[in-house]
Protein backbone atom coordinates (compact mmCIF):
# COMPACT_ATOMS: atom_id res chain seq x y z
CA MET A 1 101.55 99.02 145.30
CA GLU A 2 102.84 100.63 142.16
CA TYR A 3 100.95 103.65 140.78
CA THR A 4 99.40 103.23 137.33
CA PRO A 5 97.74 106.31 135.78
CA ARG A 6 94.14 105.92 134.67
CA LEU A 7 94.74 106.35 130.99
CA LYS A 8 97.66 103.97 131.00
CA LYS A 9 95.22 101.30 132.59
CA LYS A 10 92.64 102.27 129.76
CA TYR A 11 95.26 101.86 127.01
CA GLN A 12 96.30 98.39 128.45
CA THR A 13 92.82 97.12 128.64
CA GLU A 14 90.26 98.83 126.32
CA VAL A 15 92.35 100.40 123.81
CA VAL A 16 94.38 97.33 123.05
CA SER A 17 91.19 95.25 123.22
CA ASN A 18 89.50 97.64 120.83
CA LEU A 19 92.29 97.75 118.18
CA LYS A 20 93.77 94.37 118.25
CA GLY A 21 91.46 92.90 115.73
CA ASN A 22 93.27 95.01 113.03
CA TYR A 23 96.73 93.23 113.97
CA LYS A 24 98.20 89.65 113.97
CA SER A 25 99.61 90.31 117.83
CA VAL A 26 98.71 92.71 120.45
CA MET A 27 102.33 93.92 120.35
CA GLN A 28 101.75 95.53 117.05
CA VAL A 29 98.95 97.66 118.37
CA PRO A 30 100.11 101.32 118.08
CA ARG A 31 100.96 103.37 121.29
CA LEU A 32 101.60 106.84 122.43
CA VAL A 33 105.56 107.06 123.10
CA LYS A 34 105.76 110.73 124.46
CA ILE A 35 104.18 114.12 124.46
CA CYS A 36 106.31 117.23 123.58
CA LEU A 37 105.56 120.74 124.66
CA ASN A 38 107.18 123.61 123.11
CA GLN A 39 106.70 127.45 123.58
CA GLY A 40 108.58 130.23 121.87
CA ILE A 41 109.56 133.24 123.92
CA GLY A 42 110.01 135.73 120.98
CA LYS A 43 110.90 139.12 121.91
CA ALA A 44 111.54 138.16 125.54
CA ALA A 45 114.72 136.32 124.53
CA SER A 46 116.69 139.45 125.95
CA ASP A 47 114.57 139.51 129.09
CA LYS A 48 115.84 137.33 131.68
CA LYS A 49 112.77 137.60 133.85
CA GLN A 50 110.33 136.62 131.34
CA ILE A 51 112.57 133.72 130.23
CA GLU A 52 112.30 132.51 133.87
CA ALA A 53 108.61 133.01 134.07
CA ALA A 54 108.02 131.10 130.68
CA GLN A 55 110.12 128.33 132.15
CA GLN A 56 108.16 128.19 135.51
CA GLU A 57 104.81 128.27 133.76
CA MET A 58 105.88 125.37 131.55
CA THR A 59 107.14 123.34 134.51
CA LEU A 60 103.86 123.97 136.43
CA ILE A 61 101.85 122.92 133.28
CA ALA A 62 103.84 119.65 132.50
CA GLY A 63 104.71 118.60 136.31
CA GLN A 64 108.25 118.21 135.03
CA LYS A 65 111.10 120.76 134.91
CA ALA A 66 111.23 122.65 131.56
CA MET A 67 114.31 123.13 129.61
CA LEU A 68 115.36 126.18 127.64
CA THR A 69 115.91 125.81 123.97
CA ASN A 70 118.83 127.98 122.56
CA SER A 71 119.59 129.39 119.11
CA SER A 72 121.85 127.43 117.12
CA LYS A 73 123.25 130.29 114.95
CA ASP A 74 123.31 134.08 114.78
CA ILE A 75 120.40 135.71 112.82
CA SER A 76 121.07 139.38 112.60
CA ASN A 77 117.63 140.37 111.17
CA PHE A 78 116.10 139.15 114.72
CA LYS A 79 119.06 140.46 116.64
CA LEU A 80 119.73 136.84 117.62
CA ARG A 81 123.00 135.51 118.76
CA LYS A 82 124.02 131.82 118.79
CA GLY A 83 123.41 130.36 122.32
CA MET A 84 120.57 132.70 123.17
CA PRO A 85 117.38 131.15 124.63
CA VAL A 86 114.47 131.20 122.18
CA GLY A 87 111.95 129.02 123.83
CA VAL A 88 111.15 126.26 126.59
CA MET A 89 110.11 122.82 126.17
CA VAL A 90 109.33 119.59 127.99
CA THR A 91 109.22 115.95 126.99
CA LEU A 92 106.88 113.54 128.71
CA ARG A 93 106.91 110.08 128.92
CA GLY A 94 105.53 107.07 130.86
CA ASN A 95 103.36 107.85 133.79
CA GLN A 96 104.15 111.46 133.59
CA MET A 97 102.91 111.39 130.00
CA TYR A 98 99.65 109.71 130.89
CA ASP A 99 99.03 112.09 133.85
CA PHE A 100 99.49 115.09 131.82
CA LEU A 101 97.21 113.56 129.02
CA ASP A 102 94.52 112.81 131.56
CA ARG A 103 94.54 116.56 132.72
CA PHE A 104 94.78 117.78 129.22
CA ILE A 105 91.68 116.12 128.20
CA THR A 106 89.54 116.54 131.19
CA SER A 107 90.39 119.87 132.53
CA THR A 108 92.40 121.90 129.88
CA MET A 109 90.45 121.42 126.60
CA PRO A 110 87.04 122.34 128.27
CA ARG A 111 88.62 125.77 129.06
CA ILE A 112 89.81 126.63 125.70
CA ARG A 113 87.74 129.58 124.15
CA ASP A 114 85.12 128.58 121.45
CA PHE A 115 86.28 124.99 121.71
CA ASN A 116 84.23 122.51 119.59
CA GLY A 117 86.78 119.44 119.00
CA ILE A 118 90.29 119.33 117.40
CA SER A 119 90.91 118.84 113.67
CA ASP A 120 92.54 115.92 112.20
CA LYS A 121 94.76 117.97 110.01
CA GLY A 122 97.60 118.25 112.36
CA PHE A 123 99.31 114.81 111.54
CA ASP A 124 102.84 114.95 109.87
CA GLY A 125 102.62 111.96 107.73
CA ARG A 126 104.66 109.89 110.06
CA GLY A 127 101.92 109.10 112.80
CA ASN A 128 102.62 112.30 114.92
CA TYR A 129 100.03 114.79 115.73
CA THR A 130 100.55 118.49 116.64
CA MET A 131 97.94 120.98 117.89
CA GLY A 132 98.40 124.53 119.10
CA ILE A 133 97.07 126.13 122.35
CA LYS A 134 96.61 129.87 121.82
CA GLU A 135 96.60 130.86 125.54
CA GLN A 136 98.44 129.25 128.42
CA ILE A 137 95.75 130.39 130.72
CA ALA A 138 93.83 127.42 129.46
CA PHE A 139 95.53 125.11 131.71
CA PRO A 140 94.25 125.18 135.16
CA GLU A 141 97.71 125.08 136.73
CA ILE A 142 98.30 128.66 135.46
CA SER A 143 96.64 131.77 137.34
CA ILE A 144 95.58 134.47 135.19
CA ASP A 145 96.41 137.04 138.01
CA LYS A 146 100.15 135.92 138.28
CA ILE A 147 101.15 136.07 134.47
CA SER A 148 102.36 139.18 132.58
CA ASN A 149 102.03 137.96 129.00
CA ILE A 150 99.45 135.71 127.36
CA THR A 151 101.52 133.12 125.08
CA GLY A 152 100.57 129.98 123.38
CA MET A 153 102.34 126.59 122.64
CA ASP A 154 102.41 123.59 120.71
CA VAL A 155 101.62 120.06 122.08
CA THR A 156 102.83 117.05 119.88
CA PHE A 157 101.81 113.57 120.50
CA VAL A 158 104.36 111.18 119.23
CA THR A 159 103.47 107.40 118.46
CA ASN A 160 105.48 104.55 117.40
CA THR A 161 103.46 104.07 114.20
CA ASN A 162 104.29 105.87 110.82
CA SER A 163 100.66 105.85 109.80
CA ASP A 164 98.50 108.74 110.37
CA THR A 165 95.32 106.58 110.43
CA GLU A 166 96.56 104.19 112.94
CA SER A 167 97.75 107.15 115.16
CA LEU A 168 94.38 108.86 114.92
CA ALA A 169 92.73 105.60 115.97
CA VAL A 170 94.75 105.29 119.04
CA LEU A 171 94.57 109.01 120.10
CA LYS A 172 90.81 108.79 119.64
CA GLU A 173 90.63 105.62 121.76
CA LEU A 174 92.65 107.60 124.61
CA GLY A 175 90.00 110.22 124.45
CA LEU A 176 91.31 113.12 122.35
CA PRO A 177 88.02 114.79 121.16
CA PHE A 178 88.58 114.91 117.50
CA LYS A 179 85.76 116.48 115.39
CA GLN A 180 83.43 113.69 114.17
CA ASN A 181 84.44 113.97 110.63
CA ASP A 182 85.94 116.97 108.83
CA ALA A 183 85.73 115.48 105.53
CA ALA A 184 81.95 114.55 105.95
CA GLU A 185 81.36 118.11 107.14
CA LYS A 186 83.03 119.61 104.21
CA LEU A 187 80.87 117.52 101.90
CA ARG A 188 77.81 118.32 103.82
CA GLU A 189 78.46 122.15 103.34
CA ALA A 190 79.37 121.66 99.84
CA GLN A 191 75.93 119.87 99.10
CA ILE A 192 74.17 122.76 100.97
CA GLU A 193 75.85 125.31 98.99
CA LYS A 194 74.97 123.30 95.64
CA ALA A 195 71.36 123.15 96.70
CA ARG A 196 71.35 126.99 97.38
CA ALA A 197 73.06 127.82 94.14
CA GLU A 198 70.39 125.62 92.38
CA GLN A 199 67.55 127.42 94.19
CA ARG A 200 68.91 130.86 92.97
CA ARG A 201 69.26 129.57 89.46
CA GLU A 202 65.62 128.34 89.39
CA ALA A 203 64.46 131.63 90.87
CA GLU A 204 66.47 133.55 88.15
CA GLU A 205 64.92 131.39 85.40
CA GLU A 206 61.39 132.06 86.76
CA ALA A 207 61.98 135.77 86.82
CA LYS A 208 63.17 135.78 83.24
CA LEU A 209 60.07 133.75 81.96
CA GLU A 210 57.80 136.23 83.89
CA VAL A 211 59.62 139.18 81.85
CA SER A 212 59.46 137.27 78.72
CA GLY A 213 55.82 136.65 79.33
CA GLU A 214 54.89 140.24 79.95
CA GLU A 215 56.73 141.14 76.68
CA ASN A 216 54.78 138.72 74.67
CA ASN A 217 51.39 139.82 76.14
CA ALA A 218 52.18 143.50 75.15
CA PRO A 219 51.46 143.16 71.28
CA ASP A 220 48.28 141.22 71.95
CA VAL A 221 46.84 144.36 73.96
CA GLN A 222 47.91 146.49 70.94
CA GLU A 223 46.26 144.37 68.58
CA SER A 224 42.94 144.44 70.34
CA GLU A 225 43.08 148.32 70.85
CA THR A 226 43.68 148.49 67.09
CA GLU A 227 40.69 146.18 66.10
CA GLU A 228 38.45 148.20 68.49
CA ASN A 229 39.64 151.62 66.61
CA ASN A 230 38.90 149.80 63.26
CA GLN A 231 35.38 148.91 64.43
CA ASP A 232 34.36 152.45 65.59
CA SER A 233 35.78 153.86 62.37
CA SER A 234 33.61 151.45 60.32
CA LYS A 235 30.49 152.30 62.31
CA GLU A 236 31.13 156.05 61.75
CA PHE A 237 31.66 155.40 58.06
CA ASP A 238 28.38 153.36 57.96
CA LYS A 239 26.53 156.39 59.60
CA ILE A 240 27.74 158.79 56.97
CA GLU A 241 26.60 156.60 54.07
CA ASN A 242 23.26 156.15 55.61
């Protein structure tokens, strides 16, 4: 019996069923075509051991042999010559793509430090989504005791649609944990800040009114003191006349 990954079955049944109402045919429902993993090796470009280590780590993470990416031209400022290795990459398709995505969602993302969902700002305008992983130790395939450097990588999800909205819908259905609604959250924060500003303004106005009231009451006290002095003077004058 042919092996079918769990997420592939989910796409063929649940995802297509949930999204087909937006299209004339189920064949028009967007789908995930490939996942690309890219990692730059930076200063390690001249260190053969570190290049091999990065390639081995990427191979473990992807479950498929990683390939070296080489510089296409000389860049003297970076001491880079044409043909020198500058990174490692893997492109996953078919069953391997779905297996990686399943592990990525269920095992890797929960291990990311301070993880609270992924932003929907990583789309490129052509239906492809890219996110960064800051530390390769988030992948359970990597043992922290066996690595020499903490490095990050980019993970790109490529779909067969040019619409970011349609791509977002498919990736959400497959289980990628996007934040509920970045736009709504920003609107909520703006409303809270506006309410706070209004409270500060009202407090400032109340303080001004209190100061103004104190200034207005000051002359009344002075007038009453003057009247009392006049009355005392009048009484003294009456006594003298009598």
